[in-house]
Amino acid sequence: MFRWGSVALILVGTLAGAASTSAQGIIFPSTGAKHRSMAGASTAVAVDAAGATYWNPAAMAALEESEIFVGVDFMYADTFLDSSVAATGQFGSNRSDSGLAVFPSIGIVSRPENSDYTWGLNLRGLVGRTIDLPASEFNPILTPYDPPNTFGVGPIGSRLSGLQIDPIMSYDVSETLSVGVGGQVTSMFLGVDPAFFAAPNSTGLFPSATQGRPYWGLGFQAGVLYRPNDIMSFGASYKSKQRFETFEYNSKDAIGNPRKLAFDLSFPAILSLGVGWHGIEDTTIAFDLRHFGYSSTEAFGDDPTDGGLGWKSIWAFAVGGERILNDSWKVSGGFSFNGNPIPNSATFANIQLPAINKTAIALGTSFALTEKVDLVGSLYYAFRHTNSGTLLRIPNSTIELRQDLTTISLGFAFQL
């Protein structure tokens, strides 16, 4: 029974699972140590060069000086897969050997003197949640495919690398109003084995999808920042759907004959709204509300019965704050909460995309090494969340995904 139905597409989501570092589906909620320490809240405030170039291109206008941020993130996702079938008495629990992921984060803001224009670039690595589940004698999903005794798929793995680049600019319409525009460019390489998005070979086993090139996705973004006074600021931005080339692979059938595999997908459109408050001296507080349009994306938003993953659109909320303690030290913290894009009914279809975390907290600090250089560090933790569903249409069967996530970030901020 595991050969048919939704299992034919559960790995389409692998590339996004490997790409994500948080609870907001497949999208990074933040980038860089300081931005991450404020849980990504930055639509209406200029956190730093990385944060000001991430959600709202107009937010760069709030930076007083040109700035470069260079950092690195270390992420560990602890993921478990449990399943059972009452009719056979089978039950098993396995942990994904995902390892420690490392990816860079770079933000650049250039604000020429006496100019109404600000130029920026956000560059970040696209790597993270790798799913590496071993074969099992007991976990029904991970047993060998040996009907009528077992109907599993054996070990499941995926590897992804890539880069996201956002070139942006902003223009000061007046002393209180700024607008910004920019592009979204993503390059990704994905290798998966087995390739569940393809039909099985004649033996009942799925082919692999490891021989392919990097594929590109494109989109645009626009935003506005309004600062009526020194206490309040308001921001809004829109990131368009990011459409990718068709992913194609040179695979083979059961006896080595060539097979072409392919699938399409897109990243969701994102609407962000933000408020910044600066009512206490040396203190900044930011509030963000975001909508992720997963339900209208290719692959992710399609119904599992039609070959999709069954994702729902979600809202996300983040609040973050920073306090200047003295000339050398600053402290920051944040909290975020978002809906889970994967309903329990679609748990099985998303085995390799456990983007299920909902609640996260963050803490950070920065130390002034010199008048123009800060050392920044943060800790981000997404609390464990569980999705529970059934195995296809097997009576009295269960499947459960559990995951929590820890990210440690370090970086340097250079004011120019």
Protein backbone atom coordinates (compact mmCIF):
# COMPACT_ATOMS: atom_id res chain seq x y z
CA MET A 1 0.00 0.00 0.00
CA PHE A 2 2.97 2.34 0.56
CA ARG A 3 3.66 2.34 -3.20
CA TRP A 4 0.61 4.37 -4.05
CA GLY A 5 -1.31 7.46 -3.04
CA SER A 6 0.32 10.37 -1.31
CA VAL A 7 3.66 8.61 -0.90
CA ALA A 8 4.36 9.40 -4.55
CA LEU A 9 5.03 13.01 -3.66
CA ILE A 10 6.29 13.22 -0.08
CA LEU A 11 9.79 14.17 -1.16
CA VAL A 12 8.81 17.14 -3.26
CA GLY A 13 8.97 19.07 -0.01
CA THR A 14 12.49 17.91 0.84
CA LEU A 15 14.19 20.89 -0.75
CA ALA A 16 12.18 23.27 1.35
CA GLY A 17 12.67 21.21 4.48
CA ALA A 18 16.40 21.42 3.99
CA ALA A 19 16.15 25.11 3.34
CA SER A 20 14.17 26.19 6.28
CA THR A 21 15.55 27.24 9.64
CA SER A 22 12.46 27.98 11.62
CA ALA A 23 8.82 27.55 12.23
CA GLN A 24 7.39 29.67 9.41
CA GLY A 25 7.13 26.90 6.85
CA ILE A 26 9.88 26.96 4.25
CA ILE A 27 10.87 30.61 4.75
CA PHE A 28 13.70 31.91 6.93
CA PRO A 29 12.11 34.11 9.64
CA SER A 30 15.33 36.09 10.11
CA THR A 31 18.96 36.37 9.08
CA GLY A 32 22.06 37.28 11.03
CA ALA A 33 22.67 37.26 14.77
CA LYS A 34 20.95 40.51 15.79
CA HIS A 35 17.96 40.10 13.46
CA ARG A 36 17.49 36.54 14.67
CA SER A 37 17.73 37.64 18.33
CA MET A 38 14.66 39.86 17.73
CA ALA A 39 12.75 36.90 16.21
CA GLY A 40 12.82 38.59 12.79
CA ALA A 41 10.70 41.61 13.75
CA SER A 42 12.03 44.36 11.46
CA THR A 43 9.37 45.52 8.98
CA ALA A 44 9.19 48.96 10.65
CA VAL A 45 12.66 49.23 12.24
CA ALA A 46 16.24 49.04 10.97
CA VAL A 47 17.71 46.34 13.22
CA ASP A 48 21.02 46.27 11.34
CA ALA A 49 22.21 45.84 7.75
CA ALA A 50 21.03 42.21 7.66
CA GLY A 51 17.61 42.86 9.20
CA ALA A 52 16.97 46.11 7.31
CA THR A 53 17.47 44.35 3.97
CA TYR A 54 15.41 41.26 4.76
CA TRP A 55 11.65 41.89 5.15
CA ASN A 56 11.19 45.48 3.99
CA PRO A 57 13.49 47.19 1.44
CA ALA A 58 12.30 50.61 2.67
CA ALA A 59 13.56 49.89 6.21
CA MET A 60 17.12 50.67 5.09
CA ALA A 61 16.19 54.35 5.16
CA ALA A 62 16.11 54.22 8.98
CA LEU A 63 19.79 53.33 9.26
CA GLU A 64 21.86 56.38 10.16
CA GLU A 65 25.04 55.16 8.45
CA SER A 66 26.20 52.74 5.80
CA GLU A 67 26.78 49.31 7.31
CA ILE A 68 28.00 45.80 6.52
CA PHE A 69 27.02 42.73 8.52
CA VAL A 70 28.90 39.43 8.06
CA GLY A 71 27.90 36.41 10.09
CA VAL A 72 27.35 32.67 10.30
CA ASP A 73 24.49 30.56 11.68
CA PHE A 74 24.79 27.09 13.20
CA MET A 75 21.51 25.17 13.23
CA TYR A 76 20.50 21.81 14.68
CA ALA A 77 17.05 20.31 14.10
CA ASP A 78 16.07 17.37 16.33
CA THR A 79 13.49 15.38 14.36
CA PHE A 80 11.72 12.09 15.18
CA LEU A 81 9.42 9.92 13.05
CA ASP A 82 7.09 7.38 14.71
CA SER A 83 4.59 5.11 12.99
CA SER A 84 2.47 2.07 13.80
CA VAL A 85 0.04 -0.36 12.15
CA ALA A 86 -2.33 -2.11 14.55
CA ALA A 87 -3.16 -4.96 12.16
CA THR A 88 0.47 -6.16 12.05
CA GLY A 89 1.52 -4.98 15.50
CA GLN A 90 4.37 -2.99 14.00
CA PHE A 91 5.62 0.12 15.79
CA GLY A 92 8.85 2.07 15.56
CA SER A 93 10.50 5.39 16.34
CA ASN A 94 13.51 6.78 14.51
CA ARG A 95 15.57 9.93 14.78
CA SER A 96 16.87 11.83 11.76
CA ASP A 97 20.67 12.11 11.73
CA SER A 98 20.54 15.64 10.35
CA GLY A 99 23.79 16.88 11.85
CA LEU A 100 24.81 20.50 12.41
CA ALA A 101 24.05 22.83 9.49
CA VAL A 102 26.17 25.94 8.86
CA PHE A 103 25.24 28.81 6.54
CA PRO A 104 26.46 32.39 5.99
CA SER A 105 24.57 35.67 6.36
CA ILE A 106 25.61 38.97 4.76
CA GLY A 107 23.82 42.32 4.71
CA ILE A 108 25.12 45.47 3.01
CA VAL A 109 23.59 48.95 3.18
CA SER A 110 25.14 51.91 1.37
CA ARG A 111 23.67 55.32 2.24
CA PRO A 112 25.53 58.05 0.29
CA GLU A 113 25.86 61.39 2.04
CA ASN A 114 23.20 63.97 1.09
CA SER A 115 21.37 61.43 -1.09
CA ASP A 116 17.72 60.40 -1.00
CA TYR A 117 18.66 56.92 -2.21
CA THR A 118 19.87 53.95 -0.17
CA TRP A 119 21.24 50.77 -1.76
CA GLY A 120 21.31 47.34 -0.20
CA LEU A 121 22.08 43.67 -0.67
CA ASN A 122 21.05 40.67 1.43
CA LEU A 123 22.88 37.41 0.80
CA ARG A 124 22.32 34.23 2.78
CA GLY A 125 23.04 30.54 2.47
CA LEU A 126 20.19 28.20 1.68
CA VAL A 127 20.82 25.09 3.73
CA GLY A 128 19.48 23.58 6.92
CA ARG A 129 17.05 20.82 7.81
CA THR A 130 18.48 17.76 6.14
CA ILE A 131 16.33 14.68 6.71
CA ASP A 132 18.35 11.47 7.14
CA LEU A 133 16.15 8.63 8.38
CA PRO A 134 17.65 5.11 8.58
CA ALA A 135 16.07 1.84 7.50
CA SER A 136 14.23 0.05 10.30
CA GLU A 137 12.99 -3.44 11.16
CA PHE A 138 10.15 -2.02 13.24
CA ASN A 139 9.07 1.43 11.97
CA PRO A 140 6.51 0.54 9.26
CA ILE A 141 7.43 3.47 7.00
CA LEU A 142 11.14 2.68 7.08
CA THR A 143 10.95 -1.10 6.66
CA PRO A 144 12.01 -2.64 3.31
CA TYR A 145 9.50 -2.95 0.50
CA ASP A 146 8.88 -6.71 0.70
CA PRO A 147 5.18 -7.45 0.15
CA PRO A 148 3.19 -9.05 1.64
CA ASN A 149 5.43 -8.87 4.72
CA THR A 150 6.38 -5.18 4.71
CA PHE A 151 5.45 -2.18 2.57
CA GLY A 152 7.95 0.44 3.68
CA VAL A 153 10.44 2.43 1.62
CA GLY A 154 13.66 1.84 3.55
CA PRO A 155 16.04 4.72 4.40
CA ILE A 156 15.11 8.24 3.33
CA GLY A 157 17.63 11.04 2.73
CA SER A 158 18.10 14.41 1.06
CA ARG A 159 20.83 17.01 0.54
CA LEU A 160 20.45 20.63 -0.47
CA SER A 161 22.68 23.66 -0.96
CA GLY A 162 22.11 27.07 -2.46
CA LEU A 163 22.10 30.82 -2.12
CA GLN A 164 19.45 33.54 -1.82
CA ILE A 165 20.28 37.05 -3.04
CA ASP A 166 18.10 40.15 -2.61
CA PRO A 167 19.36 43.35 -4.34
CA ILE A 168 17.25 46.30 -3.15
CA MET A 169 17.02 50.10 -3.07
CA SER A 170 14.99 52.72 -1.21
CA TYR A 171 14.05 56.34 -1.88
CA ASP A 172 13.17 59.04 0.67
CA VAL A 173 9.98 60.62 -0.64
CA SER A 174 10.02 63.03 2.33
CA GLU A 175 11.54 63.27 5.79
CA THR A 176 8.90 60.89 7.10
CA LEU A 177 8.14 58.59 4.14
CA SER A 178 10.42 56.15 2.31
CA VAL A 179 9.66 53.52 -0.33
CA GLY A 180 11.74 50.57 -1.47
CA VAL A 181 11.86 47.97 -4.23
CA GLY A 182 14.06 45.03 -5.08
CA GLY A 183 14.44 41.55 -6.47
CA GLN A 184 14.51 38.02 -5.09
CA VAL A 185 16.97 35.57 -6.63
CA THR A 186 17.45 31.99 -5.41
CA SER A 187 19.77 29.26 -6.66
CA MET A 188 19.29 25.72 -5.32
CA PHE A 189 20.79 22.29 -5.82
CA LEU A 190 18.76 19.36 -4.51
CA GLY A 191 19.57 15.68 -4.31
CA VAL A 192 17.06 13.14 -2.94
CA ASP A 193 17.02 9.36 -2.61
CA PRO A 194 14.52 7.86 -3.01
CA ALA A 195 12.55 10.25 -5.27
CA PHE A 196 9.00 9.87 -3.99
CA PHE A 197 7.66 12.49 -6.41
CA ALA A 198 8.20 9.94 -9.25
CA ALA A 199 6.34 6.73 -10.02
CA PRO A 200 8.08 3.61 -8.66
CA ASN A 201 10.15 1.37 -10.89
CA SER A 202 8.88 -2.06 -11.96
CA THR A 203 10.32 -3.61 -8.80
CA GLY A 204 8.15 -1.35 -6.63
CA LEU A 205 11.15 0.68 -5.46
CA PHE A 206 11.46 4.39 -6.15
CA PRO A 207 14.28 5.83 -8.29
CA SER A 208 16.81 8.33 -6.97
CA ALA A 209 17.06 12.02 -7.91
CA THR A 210 20.66 12.96 -7.26
CA GLN A 211 21.95 13.87 -10.73
CA GLY A 212 20.85 17.42 -11.53
CA ARG A 213 22.11 20.98 -11.78
CA PRO A 214 21.33 24.06 -9.65
CA TYR A 215 17.93 25.60 -10.47
CA TRP A 216 16.91 29.25 -10.25
CA GLY A 217 13.91 31.08 -8.84
CA LEU A 218 12.95 34.74 -9.30
CA GLY A 219 10.59 37.22 -7.68
CA PHE A 220 10.26 40.86 -6.64
CA GLN A 221 9.56 42.84 -3.48
CA ALA A 222 8.37 46.32 -2.51
CA GLY A 223 7.85 48.17 0.76
CA VAL A 224 7.09 51.44 2.53
CA LEU A 225 8.33 52.97 5.80
CA TYR A 226 6.53 55.85 7.55
CA ARG A 227 8.12 57.64 10.53
CA PRO A 228 5.76 60.43 11.69
CA ASN A 229 7.88 61.23 14.77
CA ASP A 230 10.78 59.99 16.89
CA ILE A 231 8.60 57.59 18.84
CA MET A 232 6.64 55.58 16.25
CA SER A 233 7.39 53.99 12.90
CA PHE A 234 5.16 51.96 10.57
CA GLY A 235 6.16 49.61 7.78
CA ALA A 236 4.60 47.34 5.17
CA SER A 237 6.07 45.14 2.46
CA TYR A 238 5.15 42.57 -0.14
CA LYS A 239 7.32 39.74 -1.46
CA SER A 240 5.94 38.17 -4.62
CA LYS A 241 5.62 34.47 -5.29
CA GLN A 242 9.03 33.12 -6.29
CA ARG A 243 8.77 30.85 -9.33
CA PHE A 244 11.46 28.26 -10.07
CA GLU A 245 12.62 26.45 -13.14
CA THR A 246 11.37 22.90 -13.47
CA PHE A 247 13.60 20.60 -11.42
CA GLU A 248 14.86 17.79 -13.67
CA TYR A 249 17.00 14.74 -12.89
CA ASN A 250 18.80 12.05 -14.89
CA SER A 251 17.75 8.89 -13.08
CA LYS A 252 17.41 5.21 -14.04
CA ASP A 253 14.89 2.38 -13.83
CA ALA A 254 15.29 -1.00 -12.10
CA ILE A 255 17.75 -2.37 -14.70
CA GLY A 256 19.66 0.84 -15.42
CA ASN A 257 17.72 2.29 -18.35
CA PRO A 258 17.56 6.13 -18.32
CA ARG A 259 14.60 7.88 -16.67
CA LYS A 260 13.86 11.60 -16.65
CA LEU A 261 12.31 12.90 -13.43
CA ALA A 262 10.81 16.38 -12.97
CA PHE A 263 8.58 18.49 -10.74
CA ASP A 264 7.54 22.15 -10.35
CA LEU A 265 7.23 24.30 -7.26
CA SER A 266 7.18 27.90 -6.09
CA PHE A 267 7.79 29.84 -2.88
CA PRO A 268 4.82 31.76 -1.42
CA ALA A 269 3.92 35.44 -1.63
CA ILE A 270 4.43 37.19 1.73
CA LEU A 271 2.70 40.27 3.13
CA SER A 272 4.38 41.94 6.15
CA LEU A 273 3.07 44.68 8.44
CA GLY A 274 5.13 46.23 11.22
CA VAL A 275 5.17 48.80 14.01
CA GLY A 276 8.22 50.20 15.76
CA TRP A 277 8.19 51.95 19.14
CA HIS A 278 11.03 54.09 20.48
CA GLY A 279 9.27 55.69 23.46
CA ILE A 280 11.99 54.82 25.99
CA GLU A 281 15.49 56.21 25.59
CA ASP A 282 18.01 53.65 24.26
CA THR A 283 15.21 51.13 23.66
CA THR A 284 13.63 49.84 20.45
CA ILE A 285 10.63 47.50 20.29
CA ALA A 286 9.33 46.04 17.03
CA PHE A 287 6.07 44.22 16.24
CA ASP A 288 5.56 42.28 12.97
CA LEU A 289 2.55 40.50 11.48
CA ARG A 290 3.03 38.38 8.36
CA HIS A 291 0.93 36.31 5.98
CA PHE A 292 2.44 33.43 3.97
CA GLY A 293 0.38 32.39 0.93
CA TYR A 294 1.27 28.70 0.86
CA SER A 295 -2.15 27.56 -0.35
CA SER A 296 -1.58 29.17 -3.77
CA THR A 297 1.90 27.74 -4.40
CA GLU A 298 2.76 24.91 -6.77
CA ALA A 299 3.38 21.55 -5.05
CA PHE A 300 3.04 22.87 -1.49
CA GLY A 301 -0.48 24.22 -1.81
CA ASP A 302 -1.94 21.42 -3.95
CA ASP A 303 -4.24 18.87 -2.31
CA PRO A 304 -2.54 15.54 -1.46
CA THR A 305 -5.20 13.67 -3.46
CA ASP A 306 -4.06 15.68 -6.50
CA GLY A 307 -0.38 14.99 -5.92
CA GLY A 308 0.40 17.94 -3.63
CA LEU A 309 1.46 18.42 -0.02
CA GLY A 310 -1.71 20.04 1.33
CA TRP A 311 -0.16 23.14 2.91
CA LYS A 312 -2.37 25.92 4.23
CA SER A 313 -1.64 29.64 4.24
CA ILE A 314 -0.59 30.92 7.68
CA TRP A 315 -0.16 34.07 9.74
CA ALA A 316 2.95 34.73 11.81
CA PHE A 317 3.54 37.21 14.64
CA ALA A 318 6.90 38.38 16.01
CA VAL A 319 7.94 40.86 18.68
CA GLY A 320 11.50 41.87 19.42
CA GLY A 321 13.33 44.46 21.45
CA GLU A 322 16.80 45.90 21.88
CA ARG A 323 18.22 47.85 24.83
CA ILE A 324 21.47 49.83 24.85
CA LEU A 325 23.08 49.25 28.26
CA ASN A 326 26.17 51.42 27.81
CA ASP A 327 28.74 52.42 25.20
CA SER A 328 29.87 48.81 24.81
CA TRP A 329 26.93 46.48 25.41
CA LYS A 330 23.48 45.97 23.92
CA VAL A 331 21.00 43.19 24.70
CA SER A 332 18.06 41.97 22.62
CA GLY A 333 15.32 39.38 22.71
CA GLY A 334 12.30 38.20 20.77
CA PHE A 335 9.31 35.90 20.56
CA SER A 336 7.45 34.53 17.57
CA PHE A 337 4.33 32.48 17.00
CA ASN A 338 2.85 31.23 13.76
CA GLY A 339 0.32 28.79 12.41
CA ASN A 340 1.40 25.34 11.28
CA PRO A 341 1.07 25.11 7.47
CA ILE A 342 0.83 21.31 7.62
CA PRO A 343 -2.54 20.03 8.91
CA ASN A 344 -2.56 16.72 10.77
CA SER A 345 -4.35 15.12 7.83
CA ALA A 346 -1.29 15.87 5.64
CA THR A 347 1.33 14.60 8.08
CA PHE A 348 2.12 11.51 6.02
CA ALA A 349 2.56 13.54 2.83
CA ASN A 350 5.17 15.71 4.58
CA ILE A 351 7.44 13.15 6.22
CA GLN A 352 10.48 14.84 4.73
CA LEU A 353 9.24 18.36 5.31
CA PRO A 354 8.59 18.64 9.06
CA ALA A 355 8.17 22.43 9.01
CA ILE A 356 5.78 22.18 11.94
CA ASN A 357 7.28 24.35 14.71
CA LYS A 358 4.99 27.12 15.94
CA THR A 359 6.56 28.93 18.90
CA ALA A 360 10.10 30.27 19.27
CA ILE A 361 12.14 32.53 21.57
CA ALA A 362 15.44 34.31 21.00
CA LEU A 363 18.10 36.13 23.01
CA GLY A 364 21.16 38.07 21.89
CA THR A 365 23.84 40.56 22.76
CA SER A 366 26.38 42.76 21.00
CA PHE A 367 29.70 44.15 22.17
CA ALA A 368 31.48 47.16 20.67
CA LEU A 369 34.99 46.02 19.75
CA THR A 370 35.74 49.49 18.39
CA GLU A 371 33.75 52.62 17.70
CA LYS A 372 32.76 51.19 14.30
CA VAL A 373 32.77 47.40 14.84
CA ASP A 374 30.36 45.29 16.94
CA LEU A 375 30.56 41.60 17.74
CA VAL A 376 27.05 40.09 17.80
CA GLY A 377 25.77 36.74 19.06
CA SER A 378 22.35 35.15 19.56
CA LEU A 379 20.51 31.96 20.50
CA TYR A 380 17.22 31.01 18.81
CA TYR A 381 15.07 28.08 19.97
CA ALA A 382 11.89 26.75 18.36
CA PHE A 383 9.94 24.63 20.84
CA ARG A 384 9.08 21.03 20.05
CA HIS A 385 5.85 20.54 18.15
CA THR A 386 4.09 17.34 17.09
CA ASN A 387 1.96 16.46 14.06
CA SER A 388 -0.11 13.27 14.11
CA GLY A 389 -1.90 11.57 11.23
CA THR A 390 -2.59 8.21 9.59
CA LEU A 391 -0.68 6.10 7.07
CA LEU A 392 -2.60 6.52 3.83
CA ARG A 393 -5.89 4.64 4.22
CA ILE A 394 -4.58 1.89 6.50
CA PRO A 395 -7.12 1.31 9.30
CA ASN A 396 -5.86 1.88 12.87
CA SER A 397 -2.51 3.23 11.74
CA THR A 398 -0.66 6.29 13.05
CA ILE A 399 2.22 8.52 12.06
CA GLU A 400 3.81 11.17 14.23
CA LEU A 401 6.42 13.84 13.48
CA ARG A 402 8.18 15.62 16.37
CA GLN A 403 10.74 18.39 16.08
CA ASP A 404 12.50 21.18 17.94
CA LEU A 405 15.15 23.52 16.55
CA THR A 406 18.19 25.37 17.92
CA THR A 407 20.20 28.04 16.10
CA ILE A 408 23.35 29.80 17.35
CA SER A 409 24.42 32.86 15.36
CA LEU A 410 27.61 34.94 15.39
CA GLY A 411 28.62 37.97 13.34
CA PHE A 412 30.34 41.32 12.96
CA ALA A 413 28.61 44.62 12.18
CA PHE A 414 30.82 47.24 10.51
CA GLN A 415 29.61 50.86 10.37
CA LEU A 416 31.20 52.69 7.45
